[in-house]
Amino acid sequence: MTLTAERLRALLEYNPVTGDFTRLIDCGGRGSKSRVGAVAGRPHYRDGHVSIMIDRKSYGAHRLAFLWVTGDWPPGVVDHINRVPGDNRWTNLRVATIAQNAANSRRTRKAKRDTDLPRGVYRLPSGNFQAQYGKGGYIGVFRTVGAASDAVIAAIRARGHEPFLPIGEAS
């Protein structure tokens, strides 16, 4: 059975200002989290997204927020604008494609060793800089960091992902 907005609203109250869900009925579980008035959900230990159990199924609180506010499940991925996965305030959530969500992600493990370089730019053993972006996103090899970074920004703009970049990265 698919969770409906009506069922969700009967079980939980959503506060769009704080992003918290509170229980409207006692769900019969152990502990204070299952009582009426308790804040529902817990952060996932690995990535920080808040998950909420409803009818023995786990749901992401960010997806439940969309269902609660709009009455429909989100058509795509739900992106946290400020990149904080536990911040489910309505003003911090937006629908995105997988690629747009990835544009708003933190740097990958591979890139952590080159933290002084811009997004999508990697230092090669030759001393040149490789630019890449997205799936199959090899752009090219450049002599300078600036040229590689400019190529990445151009690719981001060409794909329409610039609004999803963290503030200051597309300048």
N, C-alpha and C. Protein backbone atom coordinates (compact mmCIF):
# COMPACT_ATOMS: atom_id res chain seq x y z
N MET A 1 0.84 -1.18 0.00
CA MET A 1 0.00 0.00 0.00
C MET A 1 0.89 1.25 0.00
N THR A 2 0.63 2.16 -0.90
CA THR A 2 1.38 3.39 -0.98
C THR A 2 0.85 4.39 0.04
N LEU A 3 1.77 5.04 0.72
CA LEU A 3 1.39 6.06 1.69
C LEU A 3 0.77 7.24 0.97
N THR A 4 -0.38 7.70 1.45
CA THR A 4 -1.05 8.85 0.87
C THR A 4 -0.85 10.07 1.75
N ALA A 5 -1.09 11.24 1.18
CA ALA A 5 -0.98 12.48 1.95
C ALA A 5 -1.99 12.48 3.10
N GLU A 6 -3.18 11.94 2.87
CA GLU A 6 -4.20 11.91 3.92
C GLU A 6 -3.74 11.06 5.10
N ARG A 7 -3.17 9.90 4.81
CA ARG A 7 -2.68 9.01 5.88
C ARG A 7 -1.52 9.68 6.62
N LEU A 8 -0.62 10.28 5.89
CA LEU A 8 0.52 10.98 6.50
C LEU A 8 0.05 12.08 7.42
N ARG A 9 -0.90 12.91 6.95
CA ARG A 9 -1.40 14.03 7.76
C ARG A 9 -2.18 13.56 8.98
N ALA A 10 -2.73 12.35 8.92
CA ALA A 10 -3.43 11.80 10.08
C ALA A 10 -2.43 11.31 11.14
N LEU A 11 -1.23 10.94 10.72
CA LEU A 11 -0.23 10.40 11.64
C LEU A 11 0.75 11.45 12.16
N LEU A 12 1.13 12.38 11.28
CA LEU A 12 2.19 13.34 11.61
C LEU A 12 1.79 14.76 11.26
N GLU A 13 2.31 15.69 12.04
CA GLU A 13 2.19 17.12 11.75
C GLU A 13 3.56 17.58 11.29
N TYR A 14 3.60 18.34 10.18
CA TYR A 14 4.88 18.84 9.65
C TYR A 14 4.95 20.34 9.92
N ASN A 15 6.07 20.80 10.45
CA ASN A 15 6.31 22.22 10.65
C ASN A 15 7.28 22.69 9.57
N PRO A 16 6.79 23.42 8.55
CA PRO A 16 7.66 23.82 7.45
C PRO A 16 8.76 24.80 7.85
N VAL A 17 8.60 25.48 8.98
CA VAL A 17 9.61 26.43 9.44
C VAL A 17 10.80 25.70 10.07
N THR A 18 10.53 24.67 10.86
CA THR A 18 11.62 23.93 11.51
C THR A 18 12.02 22.68 10.75
N GLY A 19 11.12 22.14 9.93
CA GLY A 19 11.38 20.91 9.20
C GLY A 19 11.12 19.66 10.01
N ASP A 20 10.54 19.81 11.20
CA ASP A 20 10.28 18.66 12.07
C ASP A 20 8.90 18.09 11.84
N PHE A 21 8.80 16.78 12.02
CA PHE A 21 7.51 16.07 12.03
C PHE A 21 7.23 15.68 13.48
N THR A 22 6.00 15.91 13.96
CA THR A 22 5.62 15.47 15.30
C THR A 22 4.47 14.48 15.18
N ARG A 23 4.46 13.53 16.09
CA ARG A 23 3.44 12.47 16.07
C ARG A 23 2.10 13.00 16.58
N LEU A 24 1.03 12.65 15.86
CA LEU A 24 -0.33 13.01 16.26
C LEU A 24 -1.02 11.87 17.00
N ILE A 25 -0.50 10.65 16.83
CA ILE A 25 -1.04 9.50 17.54
C ILE A 25 0.11 8.69 18.11
N ASP A 26 -0.17 7.93 19.14
CA ASP A 26 0.82 7.04 19.73
C ASP A 26 0.95 5.84 18.80
N CYS A 27 2.16 5.59 18.32
CA CYS A 27 2.33 4.50 17.35
C CYS A 27 2.64 3.17 18.01
N GLY A 28 2.63 3.12 19.35
CA GLY A 28 2.74 1.85 20.06
C GLY A 28 4.14 1.29 20.18
N GLY A 29 5.12 2.03 19.78
CA GLY A 29 6.49 1.54 19.91
C GLY A 29 7.05 1.76 21.29
N ARG A 30 8.27 1.26 21.50
CA ARG A 30 8.93 1.48 22.78
C ARG A 30 9.62 2.83 22.78
N GLY A 31 9.67 3.46 23.92
CA GLY A 31 10.42 4.71 24.06
C GLY A 31 9.58 5.94 23.78
N SER A 32 10.18 7.08 24.06
CA SER A 32 9.47 8.35 23.97
C SER A 32 9.26 8.83 22.53
N LYS A 33 10.00 8.29 21.58
CA LYS A 33 9.87 8.72 20.17
C LYS A 33 8.53 8.31 19.55
N SER A 34 7.85 7.36 20.16
CA SER A 34 6.59 6.87 19.58
C SER A 34 5.36 7.50 20.21
N ARG A 35 5.54 8.41 21.14
CA ARG A 35 4.42 9.03 21.86
C ARG A 35 3.87 10.24 21.11
N VAL A 36 2.62 10.57 21.41
CA VAL A 36 1.98 11.76 20.84
C VAL A 36 2.80 13.00 21.20
N GLY A 37 3.05 13.86 20.23
CA GLY A 37 3.80 15.09 20.45
C GLY A 37 5.30 14.95 20.30
N ALA A 38 5.79 13.73 20.19
CA ALA A 38 7.24 13.52 20.05
C ALA A 38 7.67 13.85 18.62
N VAL A 39 8.89 14.34 18.48
CA VAL A 39 9.46 14.57 17.16
C VAL A 39 9.74 13.21 16.54
N ALA A 40 9.22 12.99 15.35
CA ALA A 40 9.36 11.70 14.67
C ALA A 40 10.67 11.64 13.91
N GLY A 41 11.19 10.43 13.80
CA GLY A 41 12.35 10.19 12.95
C GLY A 41 13.66 10.24 13.69
N ARG A 42 14.67 9.75 12.98
CA ARG A 42 16.03 9.77 13.50
C ARG A 42 16.98 9.93 12.33
N PRO A 43 18.12 10.57 12.57
CA PRO A 43 19.09 10.72 11.49
C PRO A 43 19.75 9.39 11.16
N HIS A 44 19.96 9.16 9.89
CA HIS A 44 20.66 7.97 9.44
C HIS A 44 22.11 8.09 9.90
N TYR A 45 22.67 7.01 10.43
CA TYR A 45 24.00 7.08 11.03
C TYR A 45 25.09 7.42 10.02
N ARG A 46 24.88 7.12 8.76
CA ARG A 46 25.94 7.30 7.77
C ARG A 46 25.88 8.66 7.07
N ASP A 47 24.69 9.05 6.62
CA ASP A 47 24.63 10.27 5.81
C ASP A 47 23.87 11.43 6.42
N GLY A 48 23.20 11.22 7.56
CA GLY A 48 22.52 12.32 8.24
C GLY A 48 21.10 12.59 7.80
N HIS A 49 20.60 11.92 6.75
CA HIS A 49 19.20 12.09 6.35
C HIS A 49 18.30 11.55 7.46
N VAL A 50 17.19 12.22 7.71
CA VAL A 50 16.25 11.78 8.73
C VAL A 50 15.28 10.77 8.11
N SER A 51 15.11 9.64 8.78
CA SER A 51 14.15 8.64 8.30
C SER A 51 13.06 8.47 9.35
N ILE A 52 11.84 8.22 8.86
CA ILE A 52 10.67 8.06 9.72
C ILE A 52 9.97 6.77 9.34
N MET A 53 9.66 5.97 10.36
CA MET A 53 8.93 4.72 10.13
C MET A 53 7.43 4.98 10.16
N ILE A 54 6.75 4.55 9.11
CA ILE A 54 5.29 4.62 9.03
C ILE A 54 4.80 3.28 8.49
N ASP A 55 3.91 2.66 9.22
CA ASP A 55 3.36 1.37 8.80
C ASP A 55 4.45 0.37 8.43
N ARG A 56 5.46 0.30 9.28
CA ARG A 56 6.58 -0.64 9.14
C ARG A 56 7.45 -0.41 7.91
N LYS A 57 7.42 0.80 7.38
CA LYS A 57 8.26 1.15 6.24
C LYS A 57 8.98 2.46 6.55
N SER A 58 10.24 2.52 6.16
CA SER A 58 11.05 3.71 6.42
C SER A 58 10.97 4.68 5.24
N TYR A 59 10.75 5.95 5.56
CA TYR A 59 10.66 7.01 4.54
C TYR A 59 11.63 8.13 4.89
N GLY A 60 12.20 8.76 3.88
CA GLY A 60 13.02 9.94 4.10
C GLY A 60 12.12 11.11 4.47
N ALA A 61 12.48 11.84 5.54
CA ALA A 61 11.65 12.96 5.99
C ALA A 61 11.56 14.04 4.91
N HIS A 62 12.60 14.21 4.11
CA HIS A 62 12.58 15.22 3.05
C HIS A 62 11.53 14.87 1.99
N ARG A 63 11.36 13.58 1.71
CA ARG A 63 10.33 13.16 0.75
C ARG A 63 8.94 13.26 1.36
N LEU A 64 8.82 12.95 2.65
CA LEU A 64 7.54 13.09 3.35
C LEU A 64 7.10 14.56 3.41
N ALA A 65 8.07 15.46 3.54
CA ALA A 65 7.73 16.89 3.57
C ALA A 65 7.04 17.29 2.27
N PHE A 66 7.54 16.80 1.14
CA PHE A 66 6.89 17.10 -0.14
C PHE A 66 5.49 16.54 -0.20
N LEU A 67 5.33 15.31 0.25
CA LEU A 67 4.00 14.69 0.25
C LEU A 67 3.05 15.46 1.16
N TRP A 68 3.53 15.86 2.33
CA TRP A 68 2.68 16.55 3.30
C TRP A 68 2.25 17.92 2.77
N VAL A 69 3.17 18.68 2.18
CA VAL A 69 2.88 20.05 1.72
C VAL A 69 2.09 20.05 0.41
N THR A 70 2.51 19.26 -0.56
CA THR A 70 1.91 19.33 -1.90
C THR A 70 0.78 18.33 -2.12
N GLY A 71 0.76 17.26 -1.33
CA GLY A 71 -0.24 16.21 -1.53
C GLY A 71 0.20 15.15 -2.51
N ASP A 72 1.37 15.30 -3.10
CA ASP A 72 1.91 14.34 -4.07
C ASP A 72 3.35 14.00 -3.72
N TRP A 73 3.75 12.78 -4.10
CA TRP A 73 5.15 12.41 -3.95
C TRP A 73 5.98 13.26 -4.91
N PRO A 74 7.20 13.62 -4.55
CA PRO A 74 8.04 14.41 -5.47
C PRO A 74 8.34 13.63 -6.74
N PRO A 75 8.35 14.31 -7.89
CA PRO A 75 8.58 13.62 -9.16
C PRO A 75 10.03 13.18 -9.38
N GLY A 76 10.94 13.69 -8.60
CA GLY A 76 12.35 13.33 -8.77
C GLY A 76 13.03 13.24 -7.43
N VAL A 77 14.31 13.53 -7.42
CA VAL A 77 15.11 13.54 -6.21
C VAL A 77 14.80 14.82 -5.44
N VAL A 78 14.83 14.75 -4.11
CA VAL A 78 14.66 15.96 -3.30
C VAL A 78 16.06 16.41 -2.88
N ASP A 79 16.39 17.64 -3.24
CA ASP A 79 17.70 18.22 -2.98
C ASP A 79 17.62 19.13 -1.76
N HIS A 80 18.60 19.04 -0.86
CA HIS A 80 18.71 19.97 0.26
C HIS A 80 19.59 21.12 -0.22
N ILE A 81 19.03 22.29 -0.34
CA ILE A 81 19.73 23.44 -0.92
C ILE A 81 21.02 23.74 -0.18
N ASN A 82 20.98 23.71 1.16
CA ASN A 82 22.17 24.04 1.94
C ASN A 82 23.10 22.85 2.17
N ARG A 83 22.81 21.70 1.56
CA ARG A 83 23.61 20.48 1.62
C ARG A 83 23.67 19.85 3.00
N VAL A 84 22.74 20.22 3.90
CA VAL A 84 22.66 19.60 5.22
C VAL A 84 21.51 18.59 5.15
N PRO A 85 21.80 17.29 5.13
CA PRO A 85 20.76 16.29 4.88
C PRO A 85 19.68 16.20 5.96
N GLY A 86 19.96 16.68 7.17
CA GLY A 86 18.96 16.64 8.23
C GLY A 86 18.11 17.90 8.32
N ASP A 87 18.38 18.88 7.45
CA ASP A 87 17.63 20.15 7.47
C ASP A 87 16.46 20.05 6.50
N ASN A 88 15.28 19.73 7.04
CA ASN A 88 14.11 19.49 6.20
C ASN A 88 13.10 20.63 6.22
N ARG A 89 13.60 21.85 6.44
CA ARG A 89 12.72 23.01 6.33
C ARG A 89 12.24 23.12 4.89
N TRP A 90 10.99 23.52 4.71
CA TRP A 90 10.41 23.59 3.38
C TRP A 90 11.21 24.49 2.45
N THR A 91 11.73 25.61 2.96
CA THR A 91 12.50 26.54 2.13
C THR A 91 13.86 25.97 1.72
N ASN A 92 14.27 24.86 2.33
CA ASN A 92 15.56 24.25 2.02
C ASN A 92 15.44 23.06 1.07
N LEU A 93 14.23 22.74 0.65
CA LEU A 93 14.00 21.56 -0.19
C LEU A 93 13.57 21.97 -1.60
N ARG A 94 14.02 21.22 -2.59
CA ARG A 94 13.60 21.44 -3.97
C ARG A 94 13.71 20.13 -4.74
N VAL A 95 12.89 19.99 -5.77
CA VAL A 95 12.96 18.82 -6.64
C VAL A 95 14.12 19.02 -7.61
N ALA A 96 14.86 17.95 -7.85
CA ALA A 96 16.00 18.02 -8.75
C ALA A 96 16.14 16.69 -9.48
N THR A 97 16.89 16.72 -10.57
CA THR A 97 17.28 15.47 -11.22
C THR A 97 18.48 14.91 -10.46
N ILE A 98 18.87 13.70 -10.76
CA ILE A 98 20.05 13.11 -10.11
C ILE A 98 21.29 13.95 -10.41
N ALA A 99 21.41 14.42 -11.64
CA ALA A 99 22.58 15.23 -12.02
C ALA A 99 22.58 16.57 -11.30
N GLN A 100 21.41 17.19 -11.16
CA GLN A 100 21.34 18.47 -10.44
C GLN A 100 21.68 18.27 -8.97
N ASN A 101 21.19 17.20 -8.39
CA ASN A 101 21.50 16.90 -6.99
C ASN A 101 22.99 16.67 -6.82
N ALA A 102 23.60 15.99 -7.77
CA ALA A 102 25.05 15.75 -7.71
C ALA A 102 25.83 17.05 -7.81
N ALA A 103 25.32 18.02 -8.58
CA ALA A 103 25.99 19.31 -8.70
C ALA A 103 26.03 20.02 -7.35
N ASN A 104 25.06 19.73 -6.50
CA ASN A 104 24.99 20.36 -5.19
C ASN A 104 25.61 19.49 -4.10
N SER A 105 26.40 18.49 -4.48
CA SER A 105 26.98 17.58 -3.50
C SER A 105 28.35 18.07 -3.06
N ARG A 106 28.82 17.45 -2.00
CA ARG A 106 30.18 17.74 -1.52
C ARG A 106 31.18 17.05 -2.45
N ARG A 107 32.43 17.47 -2.36
CA ARG A 107 33.47 16.87 -3.21
C ARG A 107 33.60 15.39 -2.93
N THR A 108 33.99 14.64 -3.94
CA THR A 108 34.14 13.19 -3.81
C THR A 108 35.42 12.85 -3.06
N ARG A 109 35.54 11.60 -2.66
CA ARG A 109 36.74 11.15 -1.95
C ARG A 109 37.98 11.37 -2.80
N LYS A 110 37.88 11.09 -4.10
CA LYS A 110 39.01 11.26 -5.00
C LYS A 110 39.51 12.70 -4.98
N ALA A 111 38.57 13.64 -4.88
CA ALA A 111 38.94 15.05 -4.95
C ALA A 111 39.48 15.59 -3.63
N LYS A 112 39.30 14.87 -2.54
CA LYS A 112 39.73 15.39 -1.24
C LYS A 112 41.23 15.63 -1.17
N ARG A 113 42.00 14.86 -1.94
CA ARG A 113 43.44 15.06 -1.89
C ARG A 113 43.85 16.37 -2.57
N ASP A 114 43.00 16.90 -3.43
CA ASP A 114 43.26 18.16 -4.12
C ASP A 114 42.29 19.23 -3.63
N THR A 115 42.23 19.42 -2.31
CA THR A 115 41.24 20.34 -1.76
C THR A 115 41.48 21.79 -2.15
N ASP A 116 42.67 22.09 -2.63
CA ASP A 116 42.96 23.46 -3.05
C ASP A 116 42.46 23.74 -4.47
N LEU A 117 41.93 22.72 -5.15
CA LEU A 117 41.48 22.89 -6.53
C LEU A 117 39.96 23.05 -6.59
N PRO A 118 39.47 23.76 -7.61
CA PRO A 118 38.02 23.93 -7.77
C PRO A 118 37.33 22.62 -8.14
N ARG A 119 36.02 22.61 -8.03
CA ARG A 119 35.20 21.44 -8.37
C ARG A 119 35.49 20.99 -9.80
N GLY A 120 35.72 19.68 -9.97
CA GLY A 120 35.89 19.09 -11.29
C GLY A 120 37.28 19.22 -11.88
N VAL A 121 38.23 19.77 -11.11
CA VAL A 121 39.60 19.96 -11.59
C VAL A 121 40.51 19.06 -10.78
N TYR A 122 41.35 18.27 -11.48
CA TYR A 122 42.24 17.33 -10.82
C TYR A 122 43.66 17.50 -11.35
N ARG A 123 44.62 17.41 -10.45
CA ARG A 123 46.03 17.55 -10.81
C ARG A 123 46.52 16.22 -11.36
N LEU A 124 47.19 16.27 -12.51
CA LEU A 124 47.76 15.08 -13.12
C LEU A 124 49.25 14.99 -12.78
N PRO A 125 49.82 13.80 -12.83
CA PRO A 125 51.26 13.65 -12.54
C PRO A 125 52.13 14.51 -13.46
N SER A 126 51.64 14.81 -14.65
CA SER A 126 52.41 15.61 -15.61
C SER A 126 52.48 17.08 -15.21
N GLY A 127 51.68 17.48 -14.21
CA GLY A 127 51.64 18.89 -13.82
C GLY A 127 50.49 19.63 -14.47
N ASN A 128 49.83 19.01 -15.44
CA ASN A 128 48.65 19.61 -16.07
C ASN A 128 47.42 19.34 -15.20
N PHE A 129 46.28 19.89 -15.64
CA PHE A 129 45.05 19.76 -14.87
C PHE A 129 43.93 19.20 -15.75
N GLN A 130 43.30 18.15 -15.24
CA GLN A 130 42.19 17.54 -15.98
C GLN A 130 40.88 18.13 -15.49
N ALA A 131 39.98 18.43 -16.45
CA ALA A 131 38.65 18.93 -16.13
C ALA A 131 37.64 17.85 -16.46
N GLN A 132 36.70 17.62 -15.51
CA GLN A 132 35.63 16.67 -15.78
C GLN A 132 34.40 17.08 -14.99
N TYR A 133 33.23 16.69 -15.51
CA TYR A 133 31.99 17.00 -14.83
C TYR A 133 30.92 16.00 -15.23
N GLY A 134 30.29 15.39 -14.25
CA GLY A 134 29.15 14.51 -14.50
C GLY A 134 29.55 13.15 -15.04
N LYS A 135 28.52 12.39 -15.37
CA LYS A 135 28.71 11.03 -15.86
C LYS A 135 29.37 11.07 -17.24
N GLY A 136 30.48 10.37 -17.36
CA GLY A 136 31.22 10.39 -18.63
C GLY A 136 31.69 11.79 -18.96
N GLY A 137 32.01 12.54 -17.92
CA GLY A 137 32.22 13.97 -18.08
C GLY A 137 33.63 14.45 -18.32
N TYR A 138 34.44 13.65 -18.98
CA TYR A 138 35.79 14.11 -19.31
C TYR A 138 35.68 15.30 -20.24
N ILE A 139 36.31 16.40 -19.86
CA ILE A 139 36.27 17.63 -20.67
C ILE A 139 37.58 17.83 -21.40
N GLY A 140 38.68 17.66 -20.70
CA GLY A 140 39.97 17.83 -21.34
C GLY A 140 41.09 18.06 -20.34
N VAL A 141 42.30 18.22 -20.88
CA VAL A 141 43.49 18.49 -20.06
C VAL A 141 43.95 19.91 -20.39
N PHE A 142 44.29 20.66 -19.35
CA PHE A 142 44.64 22.07 -19.49
C PHE A 142 45.95 22.35 -18.74
N ARG A 143 46.64 23.37 -19.20
CA ARG A 143 47.92 23.73 -18.58
C ARG A 143 47.73 24.47 -17.25
N THR A 144 46.60 25.19 -17.10
CA THR A 144 46.40 25.98 -15.88
C THR A 144 45.11 25.57 -15.17
N VAL A 145 45.08 25.82 -13.87
CA VAL A 145 43.89 25.56 -13.07
C VAL A 145 42.73 26.42 -13.57
N GLY A 146 43.01 27.67 -13.88
CA GLY A 146 41.97 28.60 -14.33
C GLY A 146 41.29 28.13 -15.61
N ALA A 147 42.06 27.65 -16.56
CA ALA A 147 41.49 27.18 -17.82
C ALA A 147 40.64 25.93 -17.59
N ALA A 148 41.11 25.03 -16.74
CA ALA A 148 40.35 23.81 -16.44
C ALA A 148 39.06 24.17 -15.71
N SER A 149 39.15 25.07 -14.75
CA SER A 149 37.96 25.49 -14.00
C SER A 149 36.94 26.17 -14.91
N ASP A 150 37.41 27.02 -15.81
CA ASP A 150 36.51 27.69 -16.76
C ASP A 150 35.78 26.66 -17.63
N ALA A 151 36.49 25.61 -18.03
CA ALA A 151 35.87 24.56 -18.85
C ALA A 151 34.80 23.81 -18.07
N VAL A 152 35.04 23.56 -16.79
CA VAL A 152 34.04 22.89 -15.95
C VAL A 152 32.81 23.77 -15.79
N ILE A 153 33.01 25.05 -15.51
CA ILE A 153 31.88 25.98 -15.35
C ILE A 153 31.07 26.06 -16.64
N ALA A 154 31.74 26.07 -17.79
CA ALA A 154 31.04 26.10 -19.08
C ALA A 154 30.19 24.84 -19.25
N ALA A 155 30.72 23.69 -18.84
CA ALA A 155 29.95 22.43 -18.94
C ALA A 155 28.75 22.46 -18.00
N ILE A 156 28.93 23.00 -16.82
CA ILE A 156 27.83 23.11 -15.86
C ILE A 156 26.74 24.00 -16.42
N ARG A 157 27.12 25.13 -16.98
CA ARG A 157 26.13 26.05 -17.57
C ARG A 157 25.43 25.43 -18.77
N ALA A 158 26.17 24.69 -19.58
CA ALA A 158 25.58 24.06 -20.77
C ALA A 158 24.53 23.03 -20.39
N ARG A 159 24.69 22.39 -19.26
CA ARG A 159 23.72 21.39 -18.80
C ARG A 159 22.59 21.99 -17.97
N GLY A 160 22.67 23.30 -17.68
CA GLY A 160 21.62 23.95 -16.91
C GLY A 160 21.67 23.67 -15.42
N HIS A 161 22.83 23.29 -14.90
CA HIS A 161 22.95 22.93 -13.50
C HIS A 161 23.48 24.04 -12.62
N GLU A 162 23.77 25.20 -13.19
CA GLU A 162 24.37 26.29 -12.41
C GLU A 162 23.54 26.68 -11.19
N PRO A 163 22.19 26.73 -11.26
CA PRO A 163 21.44 27.11 -10.05
C PRO A 163 21.60 26.11 -8.90
N PHE A 164 22.09 24.91 -9.18
CA PHE A 164 22.22 23.89 -8.14
C PHE A 164 23.61 23.87 -7.51
N LEU A 165 24.53 24.67 -8.01
CA LEU A 165 25.85 24.72 -7.40
C LEU A 165 25.80 25.46 -6.08
N PRO A 166 26.63 25.04 -5.12
CA PRO A 166 26.72 25.80 -3.87
C PRO A 166 27.14 27.23 -4.16
N ILE A 167 26.66 28.15 -3.35
CA ILE A 167 26.91 29.58 -3.56
C ILE A 167 28.42 29.83 -3.67
N GLY A 168 28.81 30.60 -4.68
CA GLY A 168 30.21 30.98 -4.87
C GLY A 168 31.00 30.05 -5.78
N GLU A 169 30.47 28.89 -6.11
CA GLU A 169 31.25 27.96 -6.95
C GLU A 169 31.11 28.24 -8.43
N ALA A 170 30.10 28.99 -8.86
CA ALA A 170 29.91 29.22 -10.29
C ALA A 170 30.41 30.58 -10.73
N SER A 171 31.10 31.28 -9.85
CA SER A 171 31.55 32.62 -10.22
C SER A 171 32.82 32.61 -11.02
